[in-house]
N, C-alpha and C. Protein backbone atom coordinates (compact mmCIF):
# COMPACT_ATOMS: atom_id res chain seq x y z
N MET A 1 167.52 70.85 113.95
CA MET A 1 167.85 69.41 113.67
C MET A 1 166.56 68.68 112.70
N LYS A 2 165.42 69.57 112.87
CA LYS A 2 164.36 69.06 112.05
C LYS A 2 164.12 69.69 110.38
N GLU A 3 164.85 70.69 110.30
CA GLU A 3 165.44 71.01 109.09
C GLU A 3 166.40 69.99 107.87
N LEU A 4 167.26 69.68 108.85
CA LEU A 4 168.36 68.36 108.05
C LEU A 4 167.11 67.24 107.85
N THR A 5 166.43 67.00 108.56
CA THR A 5 165.83 65.71 108.26
C THR A 5 164.62 65.71 106.75
N GLN A 6 164.12 67.49 107.64
CA GLN A 6 163.05 67.16 106.05
C GLN A 6 164.27 67.66 104.64
N ALA A 7 164.98 68.44 104.69
CA ALA A 7 165.99 68.47 103.57
C ALA A 7 166.21 67.03 102.92
N MET A 8 166.90 66.03 103.76
CA MET A 8 167.09 64.66 103.69
C MET A 8 165.75 63.80 103.05
N GLU A 9 164.69 63.92 103.44
CA GLU A 9 163.59 63.59 102.80
C GLU A 9 163.19 63.82 101.95
N LYS A 10 163.25 65.64 101.31
CA LYS A 10 163.14 65.92 100.13
C LYS A 10 163.91 65.65 99.13
N LEU A 11 165.34 65.47 99.64
CA LEU A 11 166.79 64.66 98.50
C LEU A 11 166.12 63.78 98.25
N LEU A 12 165.67 62.71 98.96
CA LEU A 12 165.35 61.08 98.86
C LEU A 12 164.40 60.89 97.43
N GLN A 13 163.39 62.36 98.12
CA GLN A 13 161.85 61.87 97.13
C GLN A 13 162.38 62.66 95.48
N HIS A 14 163.70 63.28 95.32
CA HIS A 14 163.90 63.53 94.09
C HIS A 14 164.66 62.79 93.57
N TYR A 15 165.88 61.77 94.74
CA TYR A 15 166.27 60.25 94.03
C TYR A 15 165.25 59.78 93.87
N ARG A 16 164.25 59.25 94.04
CA ARG A 16 163.26 58.11 94.02
C ARG A 16 162.64 58.79 92.85
N HIS A 17 162.27 60.15 92.70
CA HIS A 17 161.52 60.06 91.51
C HIS A 17 162.74 60.19 89.99
N ASP A 18 163.56 60.70 90.42
CA ASP A 18 164.74 60.31 89.07
C ASP A 18 164.77 59.34 88.77
N PHE A 19 165.11 58.18 89.98
CA PHE A 19 165.40 56.96 89.84
C PHE A 19 164.38 55.94 88.86
N LEU A 20 163.00 56.39 89.73
CA LEU A 20 161.45 55.54 88.76
C LEU A 20 161.41 56.04 86.89
N ASN A 21 162.54 57.63 87.08
CA ASN A 21 162.09 57.33 85.40
C ASN A 21 163.15 56.97 84.86
N ILE A 22 164.49 56.78 85.36
CA ILE A 22 165.54 55.78 84.47
C ILE A 22 164.91 54.62 84.36
N LEU A 23 164.09 54.03 85.31
CA LEU A 23 163.73 52.54 85.18
C LEU A 23 162.76 52.39 84.20
N GLN A 24 161.76 53.66 84.08
CA GLN A 24 160.88 53.87 83.25
C GLN A 24 161.56 53.56 81.36
N VAL A 25 162.61 54.54 81.59
CA VAL A 25 163.07 54.42 79.97
C VAL A 25 163.83 53.27 80.16
N ILE A 26 164.73 52.93 80.69
CA ILE A 26 165.34 51.34 80.39
C ILE A 26 163.99 50.57 79.86
N GLY A 27 162.90 50.28 81.08
CA GLY A 27 162.10 49.56 80.52
C GLY A 27 161.35 49.82 78.86
N GLY A 28 160.98 51.23 78.77
CA GLY A 28 160.43 50.97 77.33
C GLY A 28 162.11 50.95 76.27
N LEU A 29 163.11 50.92 76.51
CA LEU A 29 164.55 51.08 75.31
C LEU A 29 164.27 49.27 75.40
N ALA A 30 164.20 48.53 76.61
CA ALA A 30 164.34 46.93 76.79
C ALA A 30 162.99 46.00 75.66
N GLN A 31 162.06 47.00 75.74
CA GLN A 31 160.58 46.79 74.97
C GLN A 31 160.98 46.75 73.49
N LEU A 32 161.59 47.88 73.19
CA LEU A 32 161.31 47.83 71.74
C LEU A 32 163.17 47.21 71.11
N GLN A 33 163.17 46.64 72.11
CA GLN A 33 164.98 46.25 72.05
C GLN A 33 165.83 46.76 71.18
N LYS A 34 166.08 48.18 71.55
CA LYS A 34 166.95 49.44 71.39
C LYS A 34 168.41 48.74 72.42
N THR A 35 169.13 47.68 72.25
CA THR A 35 169.99 46.96 72.93
C THR A 35 171.07 48.05 73.22
N ASP A 36 171.30 49.04 71.77
CA ASP A 36 172.69 49.88 71.92
C ASP A 36 172.36 51.17 72.13
N ARG A 37 171.01 51.63 72.52
CA ARG A 37 170.85 52.51 73.27
C ARG A 37 170.34 52.70 74.81
N LEU A 38 169.93 51.28 75.16
CA LEU A 38 169.54 50.83 76.32
C LEU A 38 171.07 50.88 77.16
N LEU A 39 172.22 50.20 76.67
CA LEU A 39 173.28 50.27 77.21
C LEU A 39 173.96 51.22 77.50
N SER A 40 174.35 52.51 76.68
CA SER A 40 174.57 53.82 76.82
C SER A 40 174.13 54.67 77.95
N PHE A 41 172.45 54.27 77.48
CA PHE A 41 171.76 54.79 78.86
C PHE A 41 171.79 54.41 80.22
N ILE A 42 172.21 53.23 80.35
CA ILE A 42 172.39 52.43 81.78
C ILE A 42 173.63 52.49 81.99
N GLN A 43 174.61 53.18 81.39
CA GLN A 43 175.88 53.57 81.53
C GLN A 43 175.60 55.22 81.74
N LYS A 44 174.80 55.91 81.65
CA LYS A 44 174.55 57.22 81.88
C LYS A 44 174.22 57.48 83.20
N ALA A 45 172.82 56.61 82.99
CA ALA A 45 171.99 56.81 83.99
C ALA A 45 173.17 56.31 85.29
N SER A 46 173.54 55.19 85.32
CA SER A 46 174.60 54.93 86.40
C SER A 46 175.47 56.19 86.69
N VAL A 47 176.03 56.65 86.18
CA VAL A 47 177.11 57.78 86.54
C VAL A 47 176.07 58.76 87.13
N GLU A 48 174.86 59.01 87.28
CA GLU A 48 174.19 60.31 87.70
C GLU A 48 173.77 59.80 88.89
N VAL A 49 173.93 58.75 88.57
CA VAL A 49 172.86 58.33 90.36
C VAL A 49 173.85 57.83 91.53
N GLN A 50 174.91 57.39 91.00
CA GLN A 50 176.00 57.89 91.66
C GLN A 50 176.93 59.22 92.01
N GLN A 51 176.29 60.16 91.16
CA GLN A 51 177.04 61.68 91.37
C GLN A 51 175.58 61.91 92.36
N PHE A 52 174.54 61.66 92.09
CA PHE A 52 173.23 62.28 93.15
C PHE A 52 173.50 61.36 94.47
N GLY A 53 174.05 60.34 94.63
CA GLY A 53 174.41 59.58 95.95
C GLY A 53 175.60 60.46 96.50
N ARG A 54 176.34 61.21 95.95
CA ARG A 54 177.65 61.41 96.66
C ARG A 54 177.14 62.87 96.96
N LEU A 55 176.45 63.56 96.32
CA LEU A 55 175.85 64.87 96.77
C LEU A 55 174.69 64.52 97.85
N ILE A 56 174.13 63.73 98.17
CA ILE A 56 173.10 63.40 99.18
C ILE A 56 174.01 63.06 100.72
N GLY A 57 175.09 62.69 100.25
CA GLY A 57 176.22 62.30 101.64
C GLY A 57 177.30 63.01 101.72
N CYS A 58 176.98 64.73 100.99
CA CYS A 58 178.28 65.53 101.56
C CYS A 58 178.46 66.23 102.84
N GLY A 59 177.68 65.43 103.66
CA GLY A 59 177.29 66.22 105.14
C GLY A 59 176.56 66.98 105.64
N ASP A 60 176.04 67.69 104.91
CA ASP A 60 174.93 69.01 105.10
C ASP A 60 174.07 68.68 103.86
N PRO A 61 172.74 68.24 104.56
CA PRO A 61 171.63 67.62 103.48
C PRO A 61 170.63 69.17 103.11
N ARG A 62 171.19 69.97 103.68
CA ARG A 62 170.60 71.18 103.42
C ARG A 62 170.94 72.03 102.24
N PHE A 63 172.39 72.11 101.98
CA PHE A 63 173.49 72.07 100.81
C PHE A 63 173.31 71.21 99.88
N ALA A 64 173.03 70.15 99.74
CA ALA A 64 172.68 69.18 99.07
C ALA A 64 171.40 69.51 98.51
N LEU A 65 170.59 70.03 99.25
CA LEU A 65 168.93 69.88 98.72
C LEU A 65 169.50 71.49 98.05
N ALA A 66 170.09 72.60 98.25
CA ALA A 66 170.11 73.53 97.51
C ALA A 66 170.78 73.38 95.92
N VAL A 67 171.82 72.83 96.34
CA VAL A 67 172.47 72.85 95.02
C VAL A 67 171.84 72.06 93.83
N TYR A 68 171.34 70.89 94.72
CA TYR A 68 170.09 70.60 93.62
C TYR A 68 168.98 71.40 93.15
N GLU A 69 168.28 71.33 93.86
CA GLU A 69 167.11 72.39 93.39
C GLU A 69 167.50 73.87 92.79
N PHE A 70 168.26 74.55 93.61
CA PHE A 70 168.83 75.89 92.48
C PHE A 70 169.81 76.26 91.92
N LEU A 71 170.27 74.64 91.43
CA LEU A 71 171.66 74.49 90.06
C LEU A 71 171.17 73.51 89.58
N LEU A 72 170.94 72.53 89.65
CA LEU A 72 171.55 71.42 88.61
C LEU A 72 169.85 70.83 88.25
N GLN A 73 168.85 71.09 89.30
CA GLN A 73 167.27 70.40 89.06
C GLN A 73 166.52 71.05 87.44
N ASP A 74 167.43 71.92 86.90
CA ASP A 74 166.83 72.46 85.93
C ASP A 74 167.83 72.60 84.70
N PHE A 75 168.86 72.11 84.90
CA PHE A 75 170.44 72.09 84.25
C PHE A 75 169.75 71.12 82.62
N LYS A 76 170.20 71.89 81.60
CA LYS A 76 170.14 71.34 80.62
C LYS A 76 171.01 70.36 80.01
N GLY A 77 172.22 71.01 80.37
CA GLY A 77 173.77 70.22 80.41
C GLY A 77 174.15 69.37 81.11
N THR A 78 175.26 68.68 81.14
CA THR A 78 175.76 67.56 81.76
C THR A 78 176.51 68.05 83.23
N TYR A 79 176.53 67.45 84.44
CA TYR A 79 177.58 67.87 85.28
C TYR A 79 178.63 66.76 85.98
N ILE A 80 179.51 67.53 86.27
CA ILE A 80 180.49 66.44 87.07
C ILE A 80 181.04 66.92 88.38
N LEU A 81 180.51 66.08 89.27
CA LEU A 81 180.48 66.43 90.67
C LEU A 81 181.51 65.71 91.43
N ARG A 82 182.52 66.63 92.24
CA ARG A 82 183.29 66.05 93.03
C ARG A 82 183.30 66.47 94.40
N ILE A 83 182.88 65.66 95.03
CA ILE A 83 183.08 66.01 96.73
C ILE A 83 184.20 65.20 97.45
N ASP A 84 185.50 66.17 98.22
CA ASP A 84 186.13 65.83 99.05
C ASP A 84 186.00 66.38 100.24
N GLY A 85 186.15 65.32 101.06
CA GLY A 85 186.12 65.58 102.72
C GLY A 85 184.06 65.51 103.16
N THR A 86 184.17 65.90 104.36
CA THR A 86 182.92 66.37 104.42
C THR A 86 182.44 67.33 105.13
N LEU A 87 181.71 68.23 104.40
CA LEU A 87 180.92 69.63 104.79
C LEU A 87 180.55 69.84 105.97
N PRO A 88 181.10 70.78 107.01
CA PRO A 88 180.33 70.85 108.05
C PRO A 88 178.51 71.04 107.96
N LEU A 89 177.97 70.98 108.96
CA LEU A 89 176.42 72.04 108.80
C LEU A 89 176.88 73.53 108.70
N LEU A 90 176.68 73.79 107.82
CA LEU A 90 176.36 75.89 107.28
C LEU A 90 175.58 76.29 108.44
N GLU A 91 175.84 77.77 108.16
CA GLU A 91 175.10 78.21 109.09
C GLU A 91 173.56 78.94 108.18
N PRO A 92 172.94 79.05 108.90
CA PRO A 92 171.52 79.58 107.95
C PRO A 92 171.35 80.48 107.30
N ASP A 93 172.57 81.52 107.58
CA ASP A 93 172.28 82.68 107.05
C ASP A 93 173.59 82.62 105.06
N VAL A 94 174.98 81.25 105.69
CA VAL A 94 175.45 80.99 104.22
C VAL A 94 174.33 80.31 103.35
N LEU A 95 173.85 79.59 104.18
CA LEU A 95 172.52 78.77 103.08
C LEU A 95 171.82 79.50 102.54
N ALA A 96 170.95 80.61 102.77
CA ALA A 96 170.63 81.83 102.28
C ALA A 96 171.03 82.25 101.18
N ALA A 97 172.56 82.74 101.13
CA ALA A 97 173.02 83.43 100.30
C ALA A 97 173.79 82.52 99.38
N LEU A 98 173.89 80.99 99.42
CA LEU A 98 174.38 79.96 98.76
C LEU A 98 172.73 79.97 97.65
N GLN A 99 171.81 79.81 98.29
CA GLN A 99 170.84 79.28 97.45
C GLN A 99 170.32 80.68 96.57
N LEU A 100 170.34 81.93 97.18
CA LEU A 100 170.65 83.03 96.13
C LEU A 100 171.22 83.34 95.06
N THR A 101 172.45 82.62 95.06
CA THR A 101 173.57 82.90 94.23
C THR A 101 173.66 81.95 93.42
N LEU A 102 173.29 80.63 93.70
CA LEU A 102 172.85 79.80 92.33
C LEU A 102 171.84 79.77 92.09
N GLN A 103 170.63 80.61 92.29
CA GLN A 103 169.41 80.70 91.50
C GLN A 103 169.56 81.90 90.08
N ASN A 104 171.34 82.57 90.62
CA ASN A 104 171.22 83.67 89.85
C ASN A 104 172.04 82.74 88.75
N ILE A 105 173.22 81.64 89.26
CA ILE A 105 173.93 81.26 88.41
C ILE A 105 173.33 80.31 87.46
N GLN A 106 171.90 79.52 87.75
CA GLN A 106 171.12 78.77 87.02
C GLN A 106 170.54 79.33 85.81
N SER A 107 169.80 80.82 86.03
CA SER A 107 169.38 81.22 84.99
C SER A 107 170.46 81.31 83.77
N SER A 108 171.83 81.93 84.35
CA SER A 108 172.90 82.70 83.61
C SER A 108 173.47 81.01 82.92
N LEU A 109 172.73 80.00 83.35
CA LEU A 109 173.69 78.55 82.48
C LEU A 109 172.54 78.12 81.31
N GLN A 110 171.27 78.95 81.16
CA GLN A 110 170.69 78.52 80.44
C GLN A 110 171.01 79.13 79.24
N LEU A 111 171.97 80.04 79.07
CA LEU A 111 172.92 80.25 77.86
C LEU A 111 174.11 79.15 77.31
N PHE A 112 174.14 78.15 77.91
CA PHE A 112 174.80 77.19 77.76
C PHE A 112 174.20 75.80 78.25
N PRO A 113 173.59 75.54 76.99
CA PRO A 113 172.56 74.31 77.04
C PRO A 113 173.29 73.08 76.83
N ASP A 114 174.38 73.34 76.27
CA ASP A 114 175.29 72.06 76.11
C ASP A 114 176.66 72.27 76.98
N GLY A 115 176.10 72.74 77.64
CA GLY A 115 178.02 73.01 78.91
C GLY A 115 177.83 71.66 79.68
N ILE A 116 179.00 71.52 80.26
CA ILE A 116 179.29 70.58 81.37
C ILE A 116 179.98 71.29 82.43
N LEU A 117 179.01 71.61 83.28
CA LEU A 117 179.08 71.93 84.79
C LEU A 117 179.93 70.93 85.37
N HIS A 118 181.15 71.75 86.11
CA HIS A 118 181.93 71.08 86.79
C HIS A 118 181.49 71.82 87.99
N ILE A 119 181.43 70.72 89.50
CA ILE A 119 181.41 70.94 90.44
C ILE A 119 182.42 70.50 91.52
N SER A 120 182.45 71.35 92.42
CA SER A 120 183.69 70.60 93.27
C SER A 120 183.30 71.33 94.40
N VAL A 121 183.31 70.40 95.48
CA VAL A 121 182.85 70.58 96.87
C VAL A 121 183.93 70.35 97.70
N GLY A 122 184.60 70.94 98.18
CA GLY A 122 185.75 70.64 99.51
C GLY A 122 185.37 70.94 100.95
N GLY A 123 185.12 69.78 102.34
CA GLY A 123 184.89 70.09 103.36
C GLY A 123 185.94 70.40 104.01
N GLY A 124 185.93 70.42 105.30
CA GLY A 124 187.14 70.43 106.37
C GLY A 124 186.54 71.77 107.10
N ARG A 125 187.48 72.14 107.64
CA ARG A 125 187.64 73.59 108.41
C ARG A 125 187.44 74.92 107.64
N ARG A 126 187.33 75.05 106.27
CA ARG A 126 187.48 76.10 105.28
C ARG A 126 186.35 75.63 104.26
N PRO A 127 185.21 75.03 104.36
CA PRO A 127 184.50 74.44 102.94
C PRO A 127 184.16 75.54 102.18
N ILE A 128 184.30 74.94 100.70
CA ILE A 128 184.29 75.43 99.61
C ILE A 128 183.55 75.01 98.22
N LEU A 129 183.12 75.79 97.66
CA LEU A 129 182.33 75.17 96.77
C LEU A 129 182.92 75.88 95.48
N THR A 130 183.12 75.21 94.33
CA THR A 130 183.97 75.68 93.37
C THR A 130 182.91 75.20 91.87
N LEU A 131 183.13 76.10 91.00
CA LEU A 131 182.13 76.38 89.85
C LEU A 131 182.97 76.44 88.70
N SER A 132 182.83 75.61 87.57
CA SER A 132 183.41 75.76 86.34
C SER A 132 182.54 74.99 85.28
N LEU A 133 182.57 75.80 84.00
CA LEU A 133 182.21 75.38 82.61
C LEU A 133 183.54 74.83 81.95
N LEU A 134 183.46 73.58 82.29
CA LEU A 134 184.50 72.91 80.95
C LEU A 134 183.95 72.99 79.59
N ASP A 135 184.72 72.88 78.78
CA ASP A 135 185.04 73.60 77.13
C ASP A 135 183.97 74.48 77.02
N GLU A 136 183.72 75.66 77.30
CA GLU A 136 183.09 76.56 77.27
C GLU A 136 183.79 78.14 76.92
N ALA A 137 183.73 78.91 75.93
CA ALA A 137 184.33 79.76 75.91
C ALA A 137 183.28 81.21 76.38
N ASN A 138 183.97 82.32 76.91
CA ASN A 138 183.00 83.27 77.29
C ASN A 138 182.20 82.78 78.58
N THR A 139 182.77 82.54 79.47
CA THR A 139 182.06 82.88 80.85
C THR A 139 182.50 83.40 81.78
N CYS A 140 183.38 84.30 81.47
CA CYS A 140 183.93 85.27 82.49
C CYS A 140 182.45 86.19 83.06
N ALA A 141 181.68 86.90 82.27
CA ALA A 141 180.57 87.30 82.01
C ALA A 141 179.74 86.81 83.67
N LEU A 142 179.72 85.60 83.10
CA LEU A 142 178.58 84.49 84.42
C LEU A 142 179.40 84.34 85.56
N TRP A 143 180.41 84.28 85.70
CA TRP A 143 181.10 83.87 87.05
C TRP A 143 181.12 85.25 87.94
N ARG A 144 181.67 86.45 86.80
CA ARG A 144 181.96 87.90 87.43
C ARG A 144 180.31 88.14 88.22
N GLN A 145 179.14 87.60 87.64
CA GLN A 145 177.89 88.10 87.71
C GLN A 145 177.84 87.13 89.08
N ALA A 146 177.82 86.13 88.89
CA ALA A 146 177.82 85.32 90.42
C ALA A 146 178.49 85.54 91.33
N ALA A 147 179.60 86.06 90.98
CA ALA A 147 180.81 86.77 92.20
C ALA A 147 180.05 87.86 92.74
N SER A 148 179.34 88.74 91.90
CA SER A 148 178.95 90.03 92.56
C SER A 148 177.52 89.75 93.47
N VAL A 149 176.98 88.51 92.88
CA VAL A 149 175.81 88.59 93.79
C VAL A 149 175.80 87.77 95.03
N ALA A 150 177.12 86.64 94.91
CA ALA A 150 177.50 86.32 96.09
C ALA A 150 177.75 87.42 97.42
N VAL A 151 178.49 88.25 96.91
CA VAL A 151 179.11 89.30 97.76
C VAL A 151 178.47 90.09 97.88
N GLU A 152 177.42 90.51 97.46
CA GLU A 152 176.22 91.08 97.89
C GLU A 152 175.30 90.51 98.62
N ASN A 153 175.27 89.38 99.00
CA ASN A 153 174.81 88.16 99.71
C ASN A 153 175.87 88.13 101.06
N GLY A 154 176.99 88.28 101.25
CA GLY A 154 177.76 87.72 101.91
C GLY A 154 178.55 86.85 102.13
N LEU A 155 179.08 86.40 100.91
CA LEU A 155 179.80 85.34 100.51
C LEU A 155 180.97 85.71 100.18
N GLU A 156 182.20 84.77 100.93
CA GLU A 156 183.32 85.39 100.42
C GLU A 156 183.64 84.36 99.40
N VAL A 157 184.37 85.21 97.93
CA VAL A 157 184.66 84.32 97.02
C VAL A 157 185.80 84.70 95.93
N VAL A 158 186.33 83.55 95.70
CA VAL A 158 187.88 84.37 94.90
C VAL A 158 187.53 84.05 93.26
N LEU A 159 187.43 85.12 92.33
CA LEU A 159 187.66 84.84 91.12
C LEU A 159 188.85 84.79 90.23
N PRO A 160 189.26 83.89 90.20
CA PRO A 160 190.78 83.91 89.42
C PRO A 160 190.82 85.07 87.99
N GLN A 161 191.95 84.87 87.69
CA GLN A 161 192.39 86.40 86.90
C GLN A 161 191.95 85.79 85.49
N GLY A 162 191.53 84.42 85.53
CA GLY A 162 191.50 84.06 83.94
C GLY A 162 189.72 83.92 83.90
N GLY A 163 188.92 83.92 85.17
CA GLY A 163 187.92 84.15 85.19
C GLY A 163 186.87 83.07 84.56
N ASP A 164 187.49 81.70 84.66
CA ASP A 164 186.86 81.21 84.04
C ASP A 164 185.84 79.64 85.25
N GLU A 165 186.38 80.21 86.58
CA GLU A 165 185.91 79.29 87.57
C GLU A 165 185.71 80.59 88.37
N LEU A 166 184.78 79.77 89.26
CA LEU A 166 184.34 80.59 91.10
C LEU A 166 184.99 79.77 92.10
N PHE A 167 185.18 80.52 93.22
CA PHE A 167 185.19 79.59 94.33
C PHE A 167 184.06 80.83 95.29
N MET A 168 183.59 79.81 95.66
CA MET A 168 182.57 80.24 97.23
C MET A 168 183.10 79.75 98.38
N TYR A 169 183.49 80.36 99.62
CA TYR A 169 183.70 79.61 100.42
C TYR A 169 182.37 79.94 101.38
N LEU A 170 182.29 78.36 102.16
CA LEU A 170 181.00 78.45 103.04
C LEU A 170 181.55 79.06 104.38
N GLY A 171 182.09 79.32 105.17
CA GLY A 171 182.13 78.86 106.40
C GLY A 171 183.30 79.41 106.95
């Protein structure tokens, strides 16, 4: 239970830090009277804050923290997050395997700095994490490598024949 509380506290620290950065940019744009850029930035920031809020509320704060710290925190592209249902609390070995897999994916994502990462989380009895890069060619090698790392670490994965996305079962 202590690690759940610690994970939630850390997520809230990240959230607070990101939100304060957003407010600083908004304040700067307002002072410079850059209303056109201000409005588009507010819309973009609003979407990002909503997505982060959905991630925090996924059901397992340790999972949310792993996705943020090991995948999204240093990702330069855009991400789209979809959460369906509530995740059960994941087993510690599944979380450890997921962290190692996400670290591997994060380093490979540097090859796609303008990529749009689609992250889908499905809760319920058979929780699943699905990852894909939208509008990107040549991602098969990325997902094959990630699948290999995931399997080495004990995760069950499915790599569809086209190889343009990765399904990781989390329980």
